[in-house]
């Protein structure tokens, strides 16, 4: 990590705050997975006792294999947003067919989704992956609720995701923000896509009692070793760097962030691997000497001409006005 992340601070030994935080998170990892597995297995009468979203990448594929080894009963699904690498989709099918796991492919309105993506790009915001991430969250909770599943098993993990500067992103949960960007750029209300606002999210958490379990954090997860295992057992095909099982995400990380904002996301990905002992600093620095490779979408020059804006500039003030009026009325 370097000065491209404005949050960076070095201590007297030249160690940055990102490393200190990563080491703290790694030290807190739970090693005993038996209690949480027994909780999930305790829902024995149900057809499915957990839900797993598959992207065709290493993390989610590994967690499915782990779940099967632990004799859980997962329902798997993926969201078709039109950008999945064909190799990633083939990886998914090889896994679910090889492991004989029920699988559902969730389809969305692709025209509406592309329109929302276009709004974020035209707005010039740093995190144009918000439409994808929000819809993944919304569909995951929707699927869990529909099938009465209490546990969502996520492929997210500290070993490969311990470093991420807040300035390089923005939360995908903020539905008010998403609707505001869409309305200000497209000129109409956002409809026709799976969405999940604060009230619905709290309904899933507290009424439906749906929980997310980061099962990989209970194991000494090594991404390279897991990929090797997947290749040997299932004929898994590598899609490249982290999150590159999506063509759009690969373009976003390697072109949009790199060329427009001067952000090389490999730095935080490699830093996470260095902290968990899966890569050396010299290996990471050598890899960074080559510019990231991205697929050409044919919109590169147009996207570069869009102004750069902060996400805060698109926050609707109508909610703050309503709250102010409410406070005034109560007082």
C-alpha atoms as a PDB file:
ATOM      1  CA  UNK A   1       0.000   0.000   0.000  1.00  0.00           C
ATOM      2  CA  UNK A   2       1.150   3.539  -0.727  1.00  0.00           C
ATOM      3  CA  UNK A   3       0.020   7.156  -0.927  1.00  0.00           C
ATOM      4  CA  UNK A   4      -2.665   6.359  -3.496  1.00  0.00           C
ATOM      5  CA  UNK A   5      -4.707   5.454  -0.403  1.00  0.00           C
ATOM      6  CA  UNK A   6      -4.948   8.758   1.530  1.00  0.00           C
ATOM      7  CA  UNK A   7      -5.727   6.898   4.789  1.00  0.00           C
ATOM      8  CA  UNK A   8      -2.234   5.385   4.959  1.00  0.00           C
ATOM      9  CA  UNK A   9      -0.184   6.117   8.078  1.00  0.00           C
ATOM     10  CA  UNK A  10       3.246   4.718   8.923  1.00  0.00           C
ATOM     11  CA  UNK A  11       4.445   3.981  12.449  1.00  0.00           C
ATOM     12  CA  UNK A  12       7.993   4.530  13.733  1.00  0.00           C
ATOM     13  CA  UNK A  13       9.039   1.207  12.156  1.00  0.00           C
ATOM     14  CA  UNK A  14       7.629   2.039   8.741  1.00  0.00           C
ATOM     15  CA  UNK A  15       4.692  -0.366   9.106  1.00  0.00           C
ATOM     16  CA  UNK A  16       1.396   1.041   7.831  1.00  0.00           C
ATOM     17  CA  UNK A  17      -1.997   1.085   9.548  1.00  0.00           C
ATOM     18  CA  UNK A  18      -3.427  -1.323   6.960  1.00  0.00           C
ATOM     19  CA  UNK A  19      -0.964  -4.023   8.036  1.00  0.00           C
ATOM     20  CA  UNK A  20      -1.688  -3.423  11.715  1.00  0.00           C
ATOM     21  CA  UNK A  21      -5.441  -3.748  11.109  1.00  0.00           C
ATOM     22  CA  UNK A  22      -4.974  -6.848   8.936  1.00  0.00           C
ATOM     23  CA  UNK A  23      -2.874  -8.538  11.608  1.00  0.00           C
ATOM     24  CA  UNK A  24      -5.464  -7.665  14.257  1.00  0.00           C
ATOM     25  CA  UNK A  25      -8.253  -9.224  12.157  1.00  0.00           C
ATOM     26  CA  UNK A  26      -6.163 -12.317  11.444  1.00  0.00           C
ATOM     27  CA  UNK A  27      -5.449 -12.773  15.155  1.00  0.00           C
ATOM     28  CA  UNK A  28      -9.195 -12.768  15.888  1.00  0.00           C
ATOM     29  CA  UNK A  29     -10.055 -15.560  13.452  1.00  0.00           C
ATOM     30  CA  UNK A  30     -11.976 -18.443  14.991  1.00  0.00           C
ATOM     31  CA  UNK A  31     -10.399 -21.853  14.612  1.00  0.00           C
ATOM     32  CA  UNK A  32     -13.217 -24.053  15.883  1.00  0.00           C
ATOM     33  CA  UNK A  33     -15.874 -24.395  13.204  1.00  0.00           C
ATOM     34  CA  UNK A  34     -17.764 -27.227  14.942  1.00  0.00           C
ATOM     35  CA  UNK A  35     -20.227 -25.029  16.951  1.00  0.00           C
ATOM     36  CA  UNK A  36     -21.450 -23.068  13.920  1.00  0.00           C
ATOM     37  CA  UNK A  37     -21.633 -26.221  11.774  1.00  0.00           C
ATOM     38  CA  UNK A  38     -23.710 -27.959  14.452  1.00  0.00           C
ATOM     39  CA  UNK A  39     -26.053 -24.961  14.550  1.00  0.00           C
ATOM     40  CA  UNK A  40     -26.577 -25.185  10.795  1.00  0.00           C
ATOM     41  CA  UNK A  41     -26.958 -28.963  10.895  1.00  0.00           C
ATOM     42  CA  UNK A  42     -29.481 -28.572  13.705  1.00  0.00           C
ATOM     43  CA  UNK A  43     -32.002 -27.515  11.066  1.00  0.00           C
ATOM     44  CA  UNK A  44     -32.060 -31.166   9.973  1.00  0.00           C
ATOM     45  CA  UNK A  45     -35.702 -31.386   8.946  1.00  0.00           C
ATOM     46  CA  UNK A  46     -35.319 -28.677   6.338  1.00  0.00           C
ATOM     47  CA  UNK A  47     -34.557 -29.509   2.725  1.00  0.00           C
ATOM     48  CA  UNK A  48     -31.766 -26.915   2.726  1.00  0.00           C
ATOM     49  CA  UNK A  49     -29.958 -25.637   5.805  1.00  0.00           C
ATOM     50  CA  UNK A  50     -27.748 -23.044   4.115  1.00  0.00           C
ATOM     51  CA  UNK A  51     -27.548 -20.862   1.009  1.00  0.00           C
ATOM     52  CA  UNK A  52     -24.400 -20.310  -1.065  1.00  0.00           C
ATOM     53  CA  UNK A  53     -24.035 -17.782  -3.855  1.00  0.00           C
ATOM     54  CA  UNK A  54     -21.622 -18.923  -6.560  1.00  0.00           C
ATOM     55  CA  UNK A  55     -19.597 -16.626  -8.808  1.00  0.00           C
ATOM     56  CA  UNK A  56     -17.388 -19.235 -10.460  1.00  0.00           C
ATOM     57  CA  UNK A  57     -14.356 -17.847  -8.627  1.00  0.00           C
ATOM     58  CA  UNK A  58     -12.033 -19.556  -6.155  1.00  0.00           C
ATOM     59  CA  UNK A  59     -13.534 -18.285  -2.875  1.00  0.00           C
ATOM     60  CA  UNK A  60     -17.181 -19.239  -3.434  1.00  0.00           C
ATOM     61  CA  UNK A  61     -16.213 -22.517  -5.127  1.00  0.00           C
ATOM     62  CA  UNK A  62     -14.018 -23.482  -2.180  1.00  0.00           C
ATOM     63  CA  UNK A  63     -16.752 -22.719   0.328  1.00  0.00           C
ATOM     64  CA  UNK A  64     -19.159 -25.001  -1.535  1.00  0.00           C
ATOM     65  CA  UNK A  65     -16.644 -27.859  -1.406  1.00  0.00           C
ATOM     66  CA  UNK A  66     -16.118 -27.221   2.333  1.00  0.00           C
ATOM     67  CA  UNK A  67     -19.880 -27.184   2.963  1.00  0.00           C
ATOM     68  CA  UNK A  68     -20.302 -30.549   1.238  1.00  0.00           C
ATOM     69  CA  UNK A  69     -17.346 -32.029   3.138  1.00  0.00           C
ATOM     70  CA  UNK A  70     -19.029 -30.902   6.389  1.00  0.00           C
ATOM     71  CA  UNK A  71     -22.247 -32.655   5.272  1.00  0.00           C
ATOM     72  CA  UNK A  72     -24.308 -29.481   5.121  1.00  0.00           C
ATOM     73  CA  UNK A  73     -27.294 -29.252   2.771  1.00  0.00           C
ATOM     74  CA  UNK A  74     -26.723 -26.160   0.638  1.00  0.00           C
ATOM     75  CA  UNK A  75     -28.892 -24.571  -2.011  1.00  0.00           C
ATOM     76  CA  UNK A  76     -26.672 -22.778  -4.521  1.00  0.00           C
ATOM     77  CA  UNK A  77     -27.508 -19.931  -6.852  1.00  0.00           C
ATOM     78  CA  UNK A  78     -25.907 -17.311  -9.056  1.00  0.00           C
ATOM     79  CA  UNK A  79     -27.173 -14.027 -10.467  1.00  0.00           C
ATOM     80  CA  UNK A  80     -27.041 -13.597 -14.226  1.00  0.00           C
ATOM     81  CA  UNK A  81     -26.227  -9.919 -14.862  1.00  0.00           C
ATOM     82  CA  UNK A  82     -24.905 -10.492 -18.368  1.00  0.00           C
ATOM     83  CA  UNK A  83     -21.228 -10.073 -17.466  1.00  0.00           C
ATOM     84  CA  UNK A  84     -20.116 -13.496 -16.267  1.00  0.00           C
ATOM     85  CA  UNK A  85     -16.988 -14.959 -17.829  1.00  0.00           C
ATOM     86  CA  UNK A  86     -18.000 -18.176 -19.700  1.00  0.00           C
ATOM     87  CA  UNK A  87     -15.232 -20.003 -17.826  1.00  0.00           C
ATOM     88  CA  UNK A  88     -16.793 -18.941 -14.520  1.00  0.00           C
ATOM     89  CA  UNK A  89     -20.209 -20.266 -15.527  1.00  0.00           C
ATOM     90  CA  UNK A  90     -18.618 -23.544 -16.601  1.00  0.00           C
ATOM     91  CA  UNK A  91     -16.854 -23.728 -13.224  1.00  0.00           C
ATOM     92  CA  UNK A  92     -20.204 -23.385 -11.470  1.00  0.00           C
ATOM     93  CA  UNK A  93     -21.817 -26.138 -13.522  1.00  0.00           C
ATOM     94  CA  UNK A  94     -18.910 -28.516 -12.996  1.00  0.00           C
ATOM     95  CA  UNK A  95     -19.119 -28.012  -9.245  1.00  0.00           C
ATOM     96  CA  UNK A  96     -22.883 -28.332  -8.781  1.00  0.00           C
ATOM     97  CA  UNK A  97     -23.116 -31.298 -11.150  1.00  0.00           C
ATOM     98  CA  UNK A  98     -20.047 -33.014  -9.710  1.00  0.00           C
ATOM     99  CA  UNK A  99     -21.230 -32.528  -6.135  1.00  0.00           C
ATOM    100  CA  UNK A 100     -24.911 -33.090  -7.023  1.00  0.00           C
ATOM    101  CA  UNK A 101     -26.021 -29.843  -5.387  1.00  0.00           C
ATOM    102  CA  UNK A 102     -29.326 -28.089  -6.274  1.00  0.00           C
ATOM    103  CA  UNK A 103     -28.653 -24.902  -8.196  1.00  0.00           C
ATOM    104  CA  UNK A 104     -30.792 -21.923  -9.214  1.00  0.00           C
ATOM    105  CA  UNK A 105     -29.845 -19.288 -11.774  1.00  0.00           C
ATOM    106  CA  UNK A 106     -31.435 -15.968 -10.840  1.00  0.00           C
ATOM    107  CA  UNK A 107     -32.140 -13.755 -13.881  1.00  0.00           C
ATOM    108  CA  UNK A 108     -32.757 -10.018 -13.757  1.00  0.00           C
ATOM    109  CA  UNK A 109     -33.893  -7.386 -16.259  1.00  0.00           C
ATOM    110  CA  UNK A 110     -30.597  -6.904 -18.120  1.00  0.00           C
ATOM    111  CA  UNK A 111     -31.691  -3.716 -19.891  1.00  0.00           C
ATOM    112  CA  UNK A 112     -32.682  -2.099 -16.609  1.00  0.00           C
ATOM    113  CA  UNK A 113     -29.470  -3.288 -14.973  1.00  0.00           C
ATOM    114  CA  UNK A 114     -27.285  -1.874 -17.766  1.00  0.00           C
ATOM    115  CA  UNK A 115     -29.180   1.406 -17.450  1.00  0.00           C
ATOM    116  CA  UNK A 116     -28.354   1.536 -13.728  1.00  0.00           C
ATOM    117  CA  UNK A 117     -24.703   0.720 -14.422  1.00  0.00           C
ATOM    118  CA  UNK A 118     -24.657   3.461 -17.055  1.00  0.00           C
ATOM    119  CA  UNK A 119     -26.019   5.955 -14.519  1.00  0.00           C
ATOM    120  CA  UNK A 120     -23.155   5.242 -12.116  1.00  0.00           C
ATOM    121  CA  UNK A 121     -20.556   5.538 -14.874  1.00  0.00           C
ATOM    122  CA  UNK A 122     -22.026   8.780 -16.205  1.00  0.00           C
ATOM    123  CA  UNK A 123     -22.104  10.117 -12.650  1.00  0.00           C
ATOM    124  CA  UNK A 124     -18.323   9.601 -12.516  1.00  0.00           C
ATOM    125  CA  UNK A 125     -18.454   7.842  -9.144  1.00  0.00           C
ATOM    126  CA  UNK A 126     -15.565   5.787  -7.861  1.00  0.00           C
ATOM    127  CA  UNK A 127     -17.572   2.658  -7.015  1.00  0.00           C
ATOM    128  CA  UNK A 128     -19.555   1.699 -10.104  1.00  0.00           C
ATOM    129  CA  UNK A 129     -19.820  -1.864  -8.818  1.00  0.00           C
ATOM    130  CA  UNK A 130     -22.554  -0.761  -6.416  1.00  0.00           C
ATOM    131  CA  UNK A 131     -25.393  -1.917  -8.750  1.00  0.00           C
ATOM    132  CA  UNK A 132     -23.918  -5.434  -8.913  1.00  0.00           C
ATOM    133  CA  UNK A 133     -23.098  -5.666  -5.209  1.00  0.00           C
ATOM    134  CA  UNK A 134     -26.472  -4.335  -4.090  1.00  0.00           C
ATOM    135  CA  UNK A 135     -28.437  -6.696  -6.325  1.00  0.00           C
ATOM    136  CA  UNK A 136     -26.331  -9.637  -5.109  1.00  0.00           C
ATOM    137  CA  UNK A 137     -27.176  -8.690  -1.527  1.00  0.00           C
ATOM    138  CA  UNK A 138     -30.880  -8.224  -2.308  1.00  0.00           C
ATOM    139  CA  UNK A 139     -31.233 -11.518  -4.196  1.00  0.00           C
ATOM    140  CA  UNK A 140     -29.289 -13.447  -1.550  1.00  0.00           C
ATOM    141  CA  UNK A 141     -31.610 -12.383   1.266  1.00  0.00           C
ATOM    142  CA  UNK A 142     -34.633 -12.842  -0.995  1.00  0.00           C
ATOM    143  CA  UNK A 143     -33.610 -16.420  -1.791  1.00  0.00           C
ATOM    144  CA  UNK A 144     -32.900 -17.225   1.861  1.00  0.00           C
ATOM    145  CA  UNK A 145     -36.275 -15.844   2.909  1.00  0.00           C
ATOM    146  CA  UNK A 146     -38.147 -17.626   0.126  1.00  0.00           C
ATOM    147  CA  UNK A 147     -36.746 -21.057   1.026  1.00  0.00           C
ATOM    148  CA  UNK A 148     -36.789 -20.560   4.797  1.00  0.00           C
ATOM    149  CA  UNK A 149     -32.995 -20.696   5.064  1.00  0.00           C
ATOM    150  CA  UNK A 150     -31.461 -19.163   8.201  1.00  0.00           C
ATOM    151  CA  UNK A 151     -27.785 -19.295   7.243  1.00  0.00           C
ATOM    152  CA  UNK A 152     -26.067 -17.702   4.250  1.00  0.00           C
ATOM    153  CA  UNK A 153     -22.544 -19.025   3.800  1.00  0.00           C
ATOM    154  CA  UNK A 154     -20.344 -16.370   2.234  1.00  0.00           C
ATOM    155  CA  UNK A 155     -17.022 -16.788   0.461  1.00  0.00           C
ATOM    156  CA  UNK A 156     -15.813 -13.535   2.008  1.00  0.00           C
ATOM    157  CA  UNK A 157     -12.752 -14.037   4.183  1.00  0.00           C
ATOM    158  CA  UNK A 158     -10.070 -12.159   6.084  1.00  0.00           C
ATOM    159  CA  UNK A 159      -7.110 -14.054   4.598  1.00  0.00           C
ATOM    160  CA  UNK A 160      -7.603 -12.541   1.135  1.00  0.00           C
ATOM    161  CA  UNK A 161      -9.679  -9.440   1.991  1.00  0.00           C
ATOM    162  CA  UNK A 162      -8.142  -7.803   5.067  1.00  0.00           C
ATOM    163  CA  UNK A 163      -7.011  -4.610   3.314  1.00  0.00           C
ATOM    164  CA  UNK A 164      -9.369  -2.136   1.641  1.00  0.00           C
ATOM    165  CA  UNK A 165      -9.110   1.666   1.957  1.00  0.00           C
ATOM    166  CA  UNK A 166     -12.544   3.262   2.549  1.00  0.00           C
ATOM    167  CA  UNK A 167     -11.689   6.005   0.033  1.00  0.00           C
ATOM    168  CA  UNK A 168     -11.477   3.420  -2.760  1.00  0.00           C
ATOM    169  CA  UNK A 169     -15.104   2.414  -2.420  1.00  0.00           C
ATOM    170  CA  UNK A 170     -18.555   3.199  -1.021  1.00  0.00           C
ATOM    171  CA  UNK A 171     -21.181   0.983   0.602  1.00  0.00           C
ATOM    172  CA  UNK A 172     -23.596  -0.867  -1.685  1.00  0.00           C
ATOM    173  CA  UNK A 173     -26.259  -1.028   1.049  1.00  0.00           C
ATOM    174  CA  UNK A 174     -27.272   2.623   0.660  1.00  0.00           C
ATOM    175  CA  UNK A 175     -30.441   2.247  -1.433  1.00  0.00           C
ATOM    176  CA  UNK A 176     -31.329   5.945  -1.097  1.00  0.00           C
ATOM    177  CA  UNK A 177     -28.003   6.753  -2.735  1.00  0.00           C
ATOM    178  CA  UNK A 178     -28.593   4.254  -5.552  1.00  0.00           C
ATOM    179  CA  UNK A 179     -32.057   5.638  -6.306  1.00  0.00           C
ATOM    180  CA  UNK A 180     -30.735   9.185  -6.208  1.00  0.00           C
ATOM    181  CA  UNK A 181     -27.937   8.493  -8.698  1.00  0.00           C
ATOM    182  CA  UNK A 182     -30.407   6.799 -11.031  1.00  0.00           C
ATOM    183  CA  UNK A 183     -32.984   9.579 -10.800  1.00  0.00           C
ATOM    184  CA  UNK A 184     -30.491  12.416 -11.276  1.00  0.00           C
ATOM    185  CA  UNK A 185     -28.762  10.780 -14.251  1.00  0.00           C
ATOM    186  CA  UNK A 186     -31.590   8.860 -15.949  1.00  0.00           C
ATOM    187  CA  UNK A 187     -34.414  11.173 -14.887  1.00  0.00           C
ATOM    188  CA  UNK A 188     -36.926   8.649 -13.518  1.00  0.00           C
ATOM    189  CA  UNK A 189     -37.572   6.404 -10.534  1.00  0.00           C
ATOM    190  CA  UNK A 190     -35.702   3.120 -10.268  1.00  0.00           C
ATOM    191  CA  UNK A 191     -38.007   0.117 -10.676  1.00  0.00           C
ATOM    192  CA  UNK A 192     -37.819  -3.447 -11.966  1.00  0.00           C
ATOM    193  CA  UNK A 193     -34.704  -4.720 -10.154  1.00  0.00           C
ATOM    194  CA  UNK A 194     -34.269  -6.636  -6.872  1.00  0.00           C
ATOM    195  CA  UNK A 195     -33.535  -4.000  -4.218  1.00  0.00           C
ATOM    196  CA  UNK A 196     -33.103  -4.079  -0.456  1.00  0.00           C
ATOM    197  CA  UNK A 197     -33.484  -0.967   1.673  1.00  0.00           C
ATOM    198  CA  UNK A 198     -32.796  -0.486   5.378  1.00  0.00           C
ATOM    199  CA  UNK A 199     -36.258  -1.575   6.542  1.00  0.00           C
ATOM    200  CA  UNK A 200     -36.231  -4.772   4.487  1.00  0.00           C
ATOM    201  CA  UNK A 201     -32.673  -5.562   5.584  1.00  0.00           C
ATOM    202  CA  UNK A 202     -33.646  -5.255   9.232  1.00  0.00           C
ATOM    203  CA  UNK A 203     -36.681  -7.441   8.540  1.00  0.00           C
ATOM    204  CA  UNK A 204     -34.388 -10.173   7.213  1.00  0.00           C
ATOM    205  CA  UNK A 205     -31.998  -9.786  10.167  1.00  0.00           C
ATOM    206  CA  UNK A 206     -34.393  -9.554  13.114  1.00  0.00           C
ATOM    207  CA  UNK A 207     -37.707 -11.041  11.993  1.00  0.00           C
ATOM    208  CA  UNK A 208     -36.474 -13.762   9.642  1.00  0.00           C
ATOM    209  CA  UNK A 209     -33.315 -14.279  11.756  1.00  0.00           C
ATOM    210  CA  UNK A 210     -31.117 -14.732   8.671  1.00  0.00           C
ATOM    211  CA  UNK A 211     -27.401 -14.750   9.421  1.00  0.00           C
ATOM    212  CA  UNK A 212     -24.261 -14.643   7.290  1.00  0.00           C
ATOM    213  CA  UNK A 213     -21.475 -17.108   8.131  1.00  0.00           C
ATOM    214  CA  UNK A 214     -17.936 -16.530   6.824  1.00  0.00           C
ATOM    215  CA  UNK A 215     -16.960 -20.178   6.980  1.00  0.00           C
ATOM    216  CA  UNK A 216     -13.552 -19.774   5.323  1.00  0.00           C
ATOM    217  CA  UNK A 217     -12.457 -17.736   8.340  1.00  0.00           C
ATOM    218  CA  UNK A 218     -12.656 -20.910  10.428  1.00  0.00           C
ATOM    219  CA  UNK A 219      -9.994 -22.580   8.284  1.00  0.00           C
ATOM    220  CA  UNK A 220      -6.443 -21.700   7.314  1.00  0.00           C
ATOM    221  CA  UNK A 221      -7.656 -20.643   3.876  1.00  0.00           C
ATOM    222  CA  UNK A 222      -5.012 -20.467   1.162  1.00  0.00           C
ATOM    223  CA  UNK A 223      -6.302 -19.208  -2.180  1.00  0.00           C
ATOM    224  CA  UNK A 224      -3.559 -20.716  -4.392  1.00  0.00           C
ATOM    225  CA  UNK A 225      -3.832 -24.147  -2.753  1.00  0.00           C
ATOM    226  CA  UNK A 226      -7.627 -24.055  -3.036  1.00  0.00           C
ATOM    227  CA  UNK A 227      -7.441 -23.205  -6.725  1.00  0.00           C
ATOM    228  CA  UNK A 228      -5.065 -26.108  -7.281  1.00  0.00           C
ATOM    229  CA  UNK A 229      -7.503 -28.448  -5.492  1.00  0.00           C
ATOM    230  CA  UNK A 230     -10.415 -27.202  -7.609  1.00  0.00           C
ATOM    231  CA  UNK A 231      -8.444 -27.714 -10.825  1.00  0.00           C
ATOM    232  CA  UNK A 232      -7.480 -31.277  -9.873  1.00  0.00           C
ATOM    233  CA  UNK A 233     -10.917 -32.373  -8.636  1.00  0.00           C
ATOM    234  CA  UNK A 234     -13.314 -30.498 -10.896  1.00  0.00           C
ATOM    235  CA  UNK A 235     -11.341 -29.272 -13.915  1.00  0.00           C
ATOM    236  CA  UNK A 236     -11.708 -25.730 -12.585  1.00  0.00           C
ATOM    237  CA  UNK A 237     -10.546 -22.975 -14.974  1.00  0.00           C
ATOM    238  CA  UNK A 238      -8.733 -19.971 -13.534  1.00  0.00           C
ATOM    239  CA  UNK A 239     -10.359 -16.623 -14.311  1.00  0.00           C
ATOM    240  CA  UNK A 240      -7.335 -14.567 -13.234  1.00  0.00           C
ATOM    241  CA  UNK A 241      -6.974 -12.174 -10.318  1.00  0.00           C
ATOM    242  CA  UNK A 242      -9.459 -11.776  -7.477  1.00  0.00           C
ATOM    243  CA  UNK A 243     -13.039 -10.976  -8.603  1.00  0.00           C
ATOM    244  CA  UNK A 244     -12.147 -11.368 -12.283  1.00  0.00           C
ATOM    245  CA  UNK A 245     -14.790 -14.052 -12.865  1.00  0.00           C
ATOM    246  CA  UNK A 246     -16.934 -11.085 -13.972  1.00  0.00           C
ATOM    247  CA  UNK A 247     -15.901  -9.383 -17.220  1.00  0.00           C
ATOM    248  CA  UNK A 248     -17.252  -6.052 -15.985  1.00  0.00           C
ATOM    249  CA  UNK A 249     -15.474  -6.308 -12.629  1.00  0.00           C
ATOM    250  CA  UNK A 250     -12.214  -7.068 -14.420  1.00  0.00           C
ATOM    251  CA  UNK A 251     -12.735  -3.962 -16.569  1.00  0.00           C
ATOM    252  CA  UNK A 252     -13.747  -1.887 -13.538  1.00  0.00           C
ATOM    253  CA  UNK A 253     -10.712  -2.881 -11.463  1.00  0.00           C
ATOM    254  CA  UNK A 254      -8.125  -2.840 -14.219  1.00  0.00           C
ATOM    255  CA  UNK A 255      -9.289   0.046 -16.402  1.00  0.00           C
ATOM    256  CA  UNK A 256     -11.830   2.271 -14.656  1.00  0.00           C
ATOM    257  CA  UNK A 257     -10.121   2.515 -11.264  1.00  0.00           C
ATOM    258  CA  UNK A 258      -6.584   2.336 -12.657  1.00  0.00           C
ATOM    259  CA  UNK A 259      -6.880   4.825 -15.531  1.00  0.00           C
ATOM    260  CA  UNK A 260      -9.543   7.214 -14.224  1.00  0.00           C
ATOM    261  CA  UNK A 261      -8.697   7.350 -10.507  1.00  0.00           C
ATOM    262  CA  UNK A 262      -5.098   6.118 -10.353  1.00  0.00           C
ATOM    263  CA  UNK A 263      -6.094   3.208  -8.114  1.00  0.00           C
ATOM    264  CA  UNK A 264      -4.469  -0.190  -8.591  1.00  0.00           C
ATOM    265  CA  UNK A 265      -6.719  -2.570  -6.663  1.00  0.00           C
ATOM    266  CA  UNK A 266      -4.094  -5.299  -6.905  1.00  0.00           C
ATOM    267  CA  UNK A 267      -2.245  -3.409  -4.153  1.00  0.00           C
ATOM    268  CA  UNK A 268      -4.887  -4.141  -1.530  1.00  0.00           C
ATOM    269  CA  UNK A 269      -5.451  -7.686  -2.805  1.00  0.00           C
ATOM    270  CA  UNK A 270      -1.731  -8.468  -2.690  1.00  0.00           C
ATOM    271  CA  UNK A 271      -1.353  -6.732   0.690  1.00  0.00           C
ATOM    272  CA  UNK A 272      -4.007  -9.036   2.117  1.00  0.00           C
ATOM    273  CA  UNK A 273      -2.128 -12.072   0.779  1.00  0.00           C
ATOM    274  CA  UNK A 274       1.165 -10.762   2.183  1.00  0.00           C
ATOM    275  CA  UNK A 275      -0.354 -10.340   5.643  1.00  0.00           C
ATOM    276  CA  UNK A 276      -1.759 -13.871   5.608  1.00  0.00           C
ATOM    277  CA  UNK A 277       1.561 -15.320   4.421  1.00  0.00           C
ATOM    278  CA  UNK A 278       0.356 -16.304   0.933  1.00  0.00           C
ATOM    279  CA  UNK A 279       2.602 -13.939  -1.036  1.00  0.00           C
ATOM    280  CA  UNK A 280       5.898 -12.181  -0.433  1.00  0.00           C
ATOM    281  CA  UNK A 281       6.265  -8.432  -0.757  1.00  0.00           C
ATOM    282  CA  UNK A 282       8.900  -8.861  -3.479  1.00  0.00           C
ATOM    283  CA  UNK A 283       6.522 -11.066  -5.495  1.00  0.00           C
ATOM    284  CA  UNK A 284       3.788  -8.461  -5.175  1.00  0.00           C
ATOM    285  CA  UNK A 285       6.063  -5.585  -6.218  1.00  0.00           C
ATOM    286  CA  UNK A 286       7.252  -7.587  -9.222  1.00  0.00           C
ATOM    287  CA  UNK A 287       3.661  -8.280 -10.322  1.00  0.00           C
ATOM    288  CA  UNK A 288       2.840  -4.588 -10.016  1.00  0.00           C
ATOM    289  CA  UNK A 289       5.544  -3.648 -12.532  1.00  0.00           C
ATOM    290  CA  UNK A 290       3.149  -4.804 -15.266  1.00  0.00           C
ATOM    291  CA  UNK A 291       0.025  -2.734 -15.911  1.00  0.00           C
ATOM    292  CA  UNK A 292      -3.257  -4.556 -15.247  1.00  0.00           C
ATOM    293  CA  UNK A 293      -4.903  -6.222 -18.242  1.00  0.00           C
ATOM    294  CA  UNK A 294      -8.531  -5.432 -19.014  1.00  0.00           C
ATOM    295  CA  UNK A 295     -11.105  -6.420 -21.647  1.00  0.00           C
ATOM    296  CA  UNK A 296     -12.052  -3.695 -24.127  1.00  0.00           C
ATOM    297  CA  UNK A 297     -15.723  -2.704 -23.863  1.00  0.00           C
ATOM    298  CA  UNK A 298     -15.540   0.033 -26.508  1.00  0.00           C
ATOM    299  CA  UNK A 299     -16.599   2.784 -24.083  1.00  0.00           C
ATOM    300  CA  UNK A 300     -13.206   3.618 -22.595  1.00  0.00           C
ATOM    301  CA  UNK A 301     -12.759   7.102 -24.145  1.00  0.00           C
ATOM    302  CA  UNK A 302     -16.323   8.101 -23.306  1.00  0.00           C
ATOM    303  CA  UNK A 303     -16.003   6.981 -19.685  1.00  0.00           C
ATOM    304  CA  UNK A 304     -12.767   8.921 -19.254  1.00  0.00           C
ATOM    305  CA  UNK A 305     -14.594  12.118 -20.256  1.00  0.00           C
ATOM    306  CA  UNK A 306     -17.174  11.826 -17.471  1.00  0.00           C
ATOM    307  CA  UNK A 307     -16.459  14.102 -14.482  1.00  0.00           C
ATOM    308  CA  UNK A 308     -15.219  12.585 -11.230  1.00  0.00           C
ATOM    309  CA  UNK A 309     -17.640  13.054  -8.354  1.00  0.00           C
ATOM    310  CA  UNK A 310     -17.968  11.995  -4.742  1.00  0.00           C
ATOM    311  CA  UNK A 311     -20.730   9.632  -3.696  1.00  0.00           C
ATOM    312  CA  UNK A 312     -21.750  12.171  -1.071  1.00  0.00           C
ATOM    313  CA  UNK A 313     -22.680  14.627  -3.849  1.00  0.00           C
ATOM    314  CA  UNK A 314     -25.529  12.311  -4.845  1.00  0.00           C
ATOM    315  CA  UNK A 315     -27.029  11.791  -1.395  1.00  0.00           C
ATOM    316  CA  UNK A 316     -30.666  12.864  -1.408  1.00  0.00           C
ATOM    317  CA  UNK A 317     -31.452  15.516   1.160  1.00  0.00           C
ATOM    318  CA  UNK A 318     -35.171  14.693   1.331  1.00  0.00           C
ATOM    319  CA  UNK A 319     -34.604  12.160   4.138  1.00  0.00           C
ATOM    320  CA  UNK A 320     -32.616  14.641   6.182  1.00  0.00           C
ATOM    321  CA  UNK A 321     -35.337  17.245   5.669  1.00  0.00           C
ATOM    322  CA  UNK A 322     -38.015  14.802   6.831  1.00  0.00           C
ATOM    323  CA  UNK A 323     -36.010  13.864   9.919  1.00  0.00           C
ATOM    324  CA  UNK A 324     -35.437  17.537  10.719  1.00  0.00           C
ATOM    325  CA  UNK A 325     -39.156  18.257  10.454  1.00  0.00           C
ATOM    326  CA  UNK A 326     -39.912  15.250  12.685  1.00  0.00           C
ATOM    327  CA  UNK A 327     -37.437  16.351  15.350  1.00  0.00           C
ATOM    328  CA  UNK A 328     -38.867  19.867  15.231  1.00  0.00           C
ATOM    329  CA  UNK A 329     -42.420  18.546  15.608  1.00  0.00           C
ATOM    330  CA  UNK A 330     -41.481  16.299  18.552  1.00  0.00           C
ATOM    331  CA  UNK A 331     -39.709  19.125  20.341  1.00  0.00           C
END
